[in-house]
C-alpha cells in the first residue's frame, strides 16, 4: 500500500511497517512542511490489512472524508485524508493490467484553473470543476488555513458561459480585481482576493507570470509602458536632425556677421 498525494506536492510513500508518524519534525517517518503542520501531527497505524489514523496533538487538524478526527479513525483505501492542508490517500500498488482492446475514456482537462499568486499558495494550481468551495474549514475543496479567511469563505461555480464566484458572507470579504463582490461572473485573467490571499483565474498551461503588485490597472500600465519603450524612437531621431540643422544655421549666421563669408560672396 502507498500514501499518495493527489496534488503531487510530495512524493508517494510506501507504507511498509506498522506505524508511520507524520509531521514537520525531521524525526517524523513522513516529513511534511506545510502551513499548520505540527512537529508531531498524526500517526498512521497498520494492523494486518487495516489502517487507522491517530491525532497526536490536540491542536492538530486532521479529517477523513470531511470528518474531523478527534482521537482516532479508521481509514479505508481511497478515503480522502486532509492533514493540515495536505491532501492524501491510501491506495494499493498500481498493477499493470493486460490490454483488452477496449476503448478507454480519457478524463477531460479542466477548462479553468485557480493559480495562487501570493503567500504560501504562490504557484499552486487548483482545477475548477462544478462547484469549488474555498475556506478555512477542512471540508472545503480548497482548504486555506490562514487567519482572516472564513470557515466557508467563497464558492466558484462553472456555469454555462464560464465561471461565477459568490461570497459566503465572509468576515473580510471576497474581491475581484480589487472590487468587493457578493456574486458575479468571472473570466480568465481576473484576480480573486480572499483577505490577503490572491489567486488568478487561468486556463491550463498558462504561464505563471503575474504582476506582483496585485493591481490590474498598474499591470496594464506597465504593459503599455513596455510597449511604448519597445517601439522605434522615430521622434528622437527627428529631434537630433533638427538640432543639427539649427547648429549649422547658427554657425553660418555668425560667420556672415563677422564678415567671414565676404570672400566667398564676392
Protein backbone atom coordinates (compact mmCIF):
# COMPACT_ATOMS: atom_id res chain seq x y z
CA UNK A 1 0.00 0.00 0.00
CA UNK A 2 1.04 3.59 -0.59
CA UNK A 3 0.24 7.01 0.80
CA UNK A 4 -0.21 9.19 -2.30
CA UNK A 5 -0.67 12.94 -2.66
CA UNK A 6 -3.18 13.84 -5.44
CA UNK A 7 -1.81 17.38 -5.81
CA UNK A 8 1.73 15.95 -6.24
CA UNK A 9 3.27 18.38 -3.77
CA UNK A 10 5.01 15.45 -2.04
CA UNK A 11 6.41 12.12 -3.17
CA UNK A 12 4.35 8.96 -2.67
CA UNK A 13 5.29 6.96 0.43
CA UNK A 14 5.26 3.17 0.64
CA UNK A 15 3.58 2.00 3.84
CA UNK A 16 5.97 -0.78 4.81
CA UNK A 17 5.76 -1.37 8.56
CA UNK A 18 3.20 -0.79 11.32
CA UNK A 19 3.43 2.87 12.42
CA UNK A 20 4.12 5.97 10.37
CA UNK A 21 4.41 9.32 12.13
CA UNK A 22 3.52 12.44 10.13
CA UNK A 23 4.71 15.96 10.92
CA UNK A 24 7.19 18.72 10.22
CA UNK A 25 9.82 17.26 12.55
CA UNK A 26 12.91 15.74 10.96
CA UNK A 27 12.26 12.66 13.13
CA UNK A 28 8.84 12.05 11.53
CA UNK A 29 8.52 8.96 9.32
CA UNK A 30 6.72 11.11 6.74
CA UNK A 31 8.11 14.63 6.98
CA UNK A 32 5.81 17.29 5.54
CA UNK A 33 6.44 21.04 5.57
CA UNK A 34 3.10 22.86 5.27
CA UNK A 35 1.14 25.67 6.86
CA UNK A 36 -0.39 24.49 10.14
CA UNK A 37 1.64 21.27 10.24
CA UNK A 38 2.75 20.35 13.79
CA UNK A 39 6.07 18.66 14.52
CA UNK A 40 4.17 15.52 15.57
CA UNK A 41 0.86 15.93 13.78
CA UNK A 42 -0.60 12.42 13.37
CA UNK A 43 0.25 8.74 13.10
CA UNK A 44 -0.98 6.16 10.59
CA UNK A 45 -1.19 2.69 12.14
CA UNK A 46 -1.38 -0.59 10.24
CA UNK A 47 -2.99 -3.68 11.81
CA UNK A 48 -2.68 -6.52 9.29
CA UNK A 49 -4.69 -5.11 6.34
CA UNK A 50 -6.49 -2.40 8.31
CA UNK A 51 -5.34 1.20 8.66
CA UNK A 52 -6.26 3.93 11.11
CA UNK A 53 -5.04 7.47 11.74
CA UNK A 54 -4.45 8.88 15.22
CA UNK A 55 -4.12 12.56 16.13
CA UNK A 56 -1.05 13.05 18.31
CA UNK A 57 -1.59 16.74 19.03
CA UNK A 58 -4.97 18.15 20.23
CA UNK A 59 -4.29 21.32 18.20
CA UNK A 60 -3.61 19.37 15.01
CA UNK A 61 -6.27 19.34 12.29
CA UNK A 62 -6.92 16.02 10.53
CA UNK A 63 -10.02 14.93 8.62
CA UNK A 64 -11.10 11.75 6.83
CA UNK A 65 -13.68 12.24 4.07
CA UNK A 66 -14.53 15.65 5.50
CA UNK A 67 -15.00 14.46 9.10
CA UNK A 68 -12.62 15.78 11.73
CA UNK A 69 -10.58 13.23 13.63
CA UNK A 70 -10.57 13.98 17.35
CA UNK A 71 -8.57 10.97 18.54
CA UNK A 72 -8.50 8.09 16.06
CA UNK A 73 -10.42 6.97 12.97
CA UNK A 74 -10.34 4.00 10.63
CA UNK A 75 -9.04 4.72 7.15
CA UNK A 76 -10.04 2.64 4.12
CA UNK A 77 -8.37 2.50 0.76
CA UNK A 78 -9.31 5.57 -1.28
CA UNK A 79 -10.50 7.67 1.69
CA UNK A 80 -9.51 11.33 1.41
CA UNK A 81 -7.26 12.32 4.30
CA UNK A 82 -6.51 16.01 4.89
CA UNK A 83 -3.62 16.64 7.27
CA UNK A 84 -3.42 20.37 8.00
CA UNK A 85 -3.93 21.46 4.35
CA UNK A 86 -2.24 18.49 2.66
CA UNK A 87 -4.48 16.03 0.80
CA UNK A 88 -3.51 12.35 0.67
CA UNK A 89 -4.97 8.86 0.18
CA UNK A 90 -4.03 5.28 0.93
CA UNK A 91 -4.09 3.24 -2.27
CA UNK A 92 -2.92 -0.17 -3.46
CA UNK A 93 0.18 -0.57 -5.57
CA UNK A 94 -0.54 0.12 -9.23
CA UNK A 95 -0.73 -3.16 -11.13
CA UNK A 96 -0.26 -3.35 -14.91
CA UNK A 97 -3.41 -4.78 -16.49
CA UNK A 98 -3.12 -6.55 -19.88
CA UNK A 99 -4.67 -4.58 -22.73
CA UNK A 100 -8.14 -5.99 -23.51
CA UNK A 101 -8.55 -3.74 -26.59
CA UNK A 102 -11.44 -1.85 -25.00
CA UNK A 103 -11.71 1.89 -25.56
CA UNK A 104 -10.57 3.89 -22.53
CA UNK A 105 -12.40 7.08 -21.59
CA UNK A 106 -9.89 9.84 -21.01
CA UNK A 107 -10.74 12.37 -18.29
CA UNK A 108 -11.06 15.79 -19.85
CA UNK A 109 -8.77 18.55 -18.63
CA UNK A 110 -10.49 21.36 -16.74
CA UNK A 111 -11.20 24.50 -18.76
CA UNK A 112 -10.19 26.71 -15.83
CA UNK A 113 -7.67 26.57 -13.00
CA UNK A 114 -7.10 28.74 -9.96
CA UNK A 115 -3.43 29.67 -9.52
CA UNK A 116 -2.03 31.10 -6.29
CA UNK A 117 -0.05 34.31 -6.79
CA UNK A 118 0.78 35.26 -3.20
CA UNK A 119 1.89 33.81 0.12
CA UNK A 120 2.22 30.07 0.73
CA UNK A 121 -0.11 29.35 -2.21
CA UNK A 122 2.15 31.04 -4.79
CA UNK A 123 2.50 28.81 -7.85
CA UNK A 124 -0.03 26.19 -6.69
CA UNK A 125 -2.87 25.42 -9.07
CA UNK A 126 -6.31 24.01 -8.38
CA UNK A 127 -8.66 22.70 -11.12
CA UNK A 128 -12.11 24.29 -11.25
CA UNK A 129 -14.87 21.78 -11.95
CA UNK A 130 -18.51 22.06 -10.93
CA UNK A 131 -18.53 23.94 -7.63
CA UNK A 132 -15.28 24.62 -5.79
CA UNK A 133 -15.55 25.87 -2.22
CA UNK A 134 -12.80 27.88 -0.54
CA UNK A 135 -12.35 28.45 3.17
CA UNK A 136 -10.58 27.68 6.44
CA UNK A 137 -12.63 24.53 7.18
CA UNK A 138 -11.03 21.26 6.09
CA UNK A 139 -14.23 20.19 4.27
CA UNK A 140 -13.66 22.84 1.59
CA UNK A 141 -12.34 21.79 -1.80
CA UNK A 142 -9.55 24.36 -1.40
CA UNK A 143 -8.55 24.39 2.25
CA UNK A 144 -6.97 27.78 3.16
CA UNK A 145 -5.70 27.55 6.72
CA UNK A 146 -4.89 31.25 7.13
CA UNK A 147 -6.11 33.80 9.67
CA UNK A 148 -8.56 36.21 8.06
CA UNK A 149 -10.18 33.51 5.92
CA UNK A 150 -13.69 32.45 6.99
CA UNK A 151 -14.55 28.78 7.53
CA UNK A 152 -16.76 28.93 4.42
CA UNK A 153 -15.46 31.95 2.56
CA UNK A 154 -16.49 31.70 -1.09
CA UNK A 155 -17.51 29.29 -3.85
CA UNK A 156 -16.55 29.30 -7.54
CA UNK A 157 -19.03 27.62 -9.90
CA UNK A 158 -18.61 26.53 -13.51
CA UNK A 159 -21.68 27.80 -15.37
CA UNK A 160 -22.83 27.57 -18.98
CA UNK A 161 -20.99 30.70 -20.13
CA UNK A 162 -17.89 30.50 -17.91
CA UNK A 163 -17.38 30.98 -14.19
CA UNK A 164 -19.18 32.64 -11.32
CA UNK A 165 -17.94 33.47 -7.83
CA UNK A 166 -20.07 34.03 -4.73
CA UNK A 167 -19.03 35.33 -1.34
CA UNK A 168 -20.50 33.23 1.50
CA UNK A 169 -20.97 36.11 3.97
CA UNK A 170 -17.28 36.03 4.86
CA UNK A 171 -15.91 38.35 7.53
CA UNK A 172 -13.25 40.03 5.37
CA UNK A 173 -14.98 39.81 2.01
CA UNK A 174 -14.20 38.49 -1.46
CA UNK A 175 -12.66 40.76 -4.09
CA UNK A 176 -12.45 40.51 -7.89
CA UNK A 177 -9.85 42.78 -9.49
CA UNK A 178 -9.82 44.89 -6.33
CA UNK A 179 -13.61 45.33 -6.11
CA UNK A 180 -15.58 43.76 -3.25
CA UNK A 181 -18.31 41.49 -4.58
CA UNK A 182 -21.27 39.44 -3.44
CA UNK A 183 -21.85 37.36 -6.58
CA UNK A 184 -20.68 37.97 -10.12
CA UNK A 185 -19.31 36.30 -13.28
CA UNK A 186 -15.53 35.96 -13.60
CA UNK A 187 -13.25 35.14 -16.52
CA UNK A 188 -9.69 34.16 -17.37
CA UNK A 189 -7.27 36.83 -16.19
CA UNK A 190 -9.40 38.00 -13.26
CA UNK A 191 -7.70 38.23 -9.87
CA UNK A 192 -9.52 36.79 -6.84
CA UNK A 193 -8.54 38.03 -3.38
CA UNK A 194 -9.67 36.46 -0.11
CA UNK A 195 -8.36 38.65 2.70
CA UNK A 196 -4.63 38.83 1.77
CA UNK A 197 -4.52 35.64 -0.30
CA UNK A 198 -4.59 36.24 -4.06
CA UNK A 199 -5.40 33.85 -6.90
CA UNK A 200 -5.60 34.22 -10.66
CA UNK A 201 -8.15 32.60 -12.99
CA UNK A 202 -6.26 30.87 -15.80
CA UNK A 203 -6.64 28.16 -18.41
CA UNK A 204 -4.48 25.03 -18.03
CA UNK A 205 -0.93 25.55 -19.28
CA UNK A 206 -0.97 29.34 -18.92
CA UNK A 207 2.32 30.89 -17.82
CA UNK A 208 2.60 31.68 -14.09
CA UNK A 209 3.92 35.19 -14.75
CA UNK A 210 1.84 37.77 -12.94
CA UNK A 211 2.15 41.33 -11.73
CA UNK A 212 3.34 41.06 -8.11
CA UNK A 213 1.70 44.32 -7.05
CA UNK A 214 -1.72 42.73 -7.47
CA UNK A 215 -3.12 45.89 -9.10
CA UNK A 216 -4.58 45.03 -12.53
CA UNK A 217 -4.63 48.69 -13.55
CA UNK A 218 -0.98 49.07 -12.61
CA UNK A 219 -0.19 45.88 -14.51
CA UNK A 220 -1.94 47.27 -17.61
CA UNK A 221 0.03 50.47 -17.23
CA UNK A 222 3.24 48.50 -17.10
CA UNK A 223 2.31 46.68 -20.30
CA UNK A 224 1.51 49.94 -22.10
CA UNK A 225 4.76 51.49 -20.86
CA UNK A 226 6.75 48.50 -22.08
CA UNK A 227 5.06 48.68 -25.46
CA UNK A 228 5.91 52.38 -25.77
CA UNK A 229 9.51 51.80 -24.76
CA UNK A 230 9.94 48.99 -27.27
CA UNK A 231 8.62 50.99 -30.27
CA UNK A 232 11.13 52.68 -32.66
CA UNK A 233 12.20 56.07 -31.35
CA UNK A 234 11.41 57.96 -34.56
CA UNK A 235 10.65 61.22 -32.70
CA UNK A 236 14.09 61.12 -31.05
CA UNK A 237 15.83 60.73 -34.42
CA UNK A 238 13.89 63.64 -35.91
CA UNK A 239 14.83 65.82 -32.94
CA UNK A 240 18.54 65.07 -33.47
CA UNK A 241 18.33 66.19 -37.13
CA UNK A 242 16.52 69.39 -36.16
CA UNK A 243 19.17 70.27 -33.55
CA UNK A 244 21.98 69.58 -36.06
CA UNK A 245 20.36 71.80 -38.70
CA UNK A 246 19.85 74.59 -36.14
CA UNK A 247 23.51 74.47 -35.10
CA UNK A 248 24.62 74.73 -38.77
CA UNK A 249 22.32 77.72 -39.37
CA UNK A 250 23.63 79.48 -36.28
CA UNK A 251 27.21 78.85 -37.36
CA UNK A 252 26.50 80.24 -40.84
CA UNK A 253 24.83 83.33 -39.39
CA UNK A 254 27.78 84.01 -37.09
CA UNK A 255 30.25 83.70 -39.94
CA UNK A 256 28.25 86.16 -42.07
CA UNK A 257 28.05 88.63 -39.20
CA UNK A 258 31.81 88.57 -38.74
CA UNK A 259 32.39 89.04 -42.48
CA UNK A 260 33.99 85.67 -42.91
CA UNK A 261 31.74 84.90 -45.87
CA UNK A 262 32.54 88.11 -47.87
CA UNK A 263 35.34 86.47 -49.83
CA UNK A 264 33.02 83.65 -50.88
CA UNK A 265 30.16 86.04 -51.77
CA UNK A 266 32.44 88.24 -53.92
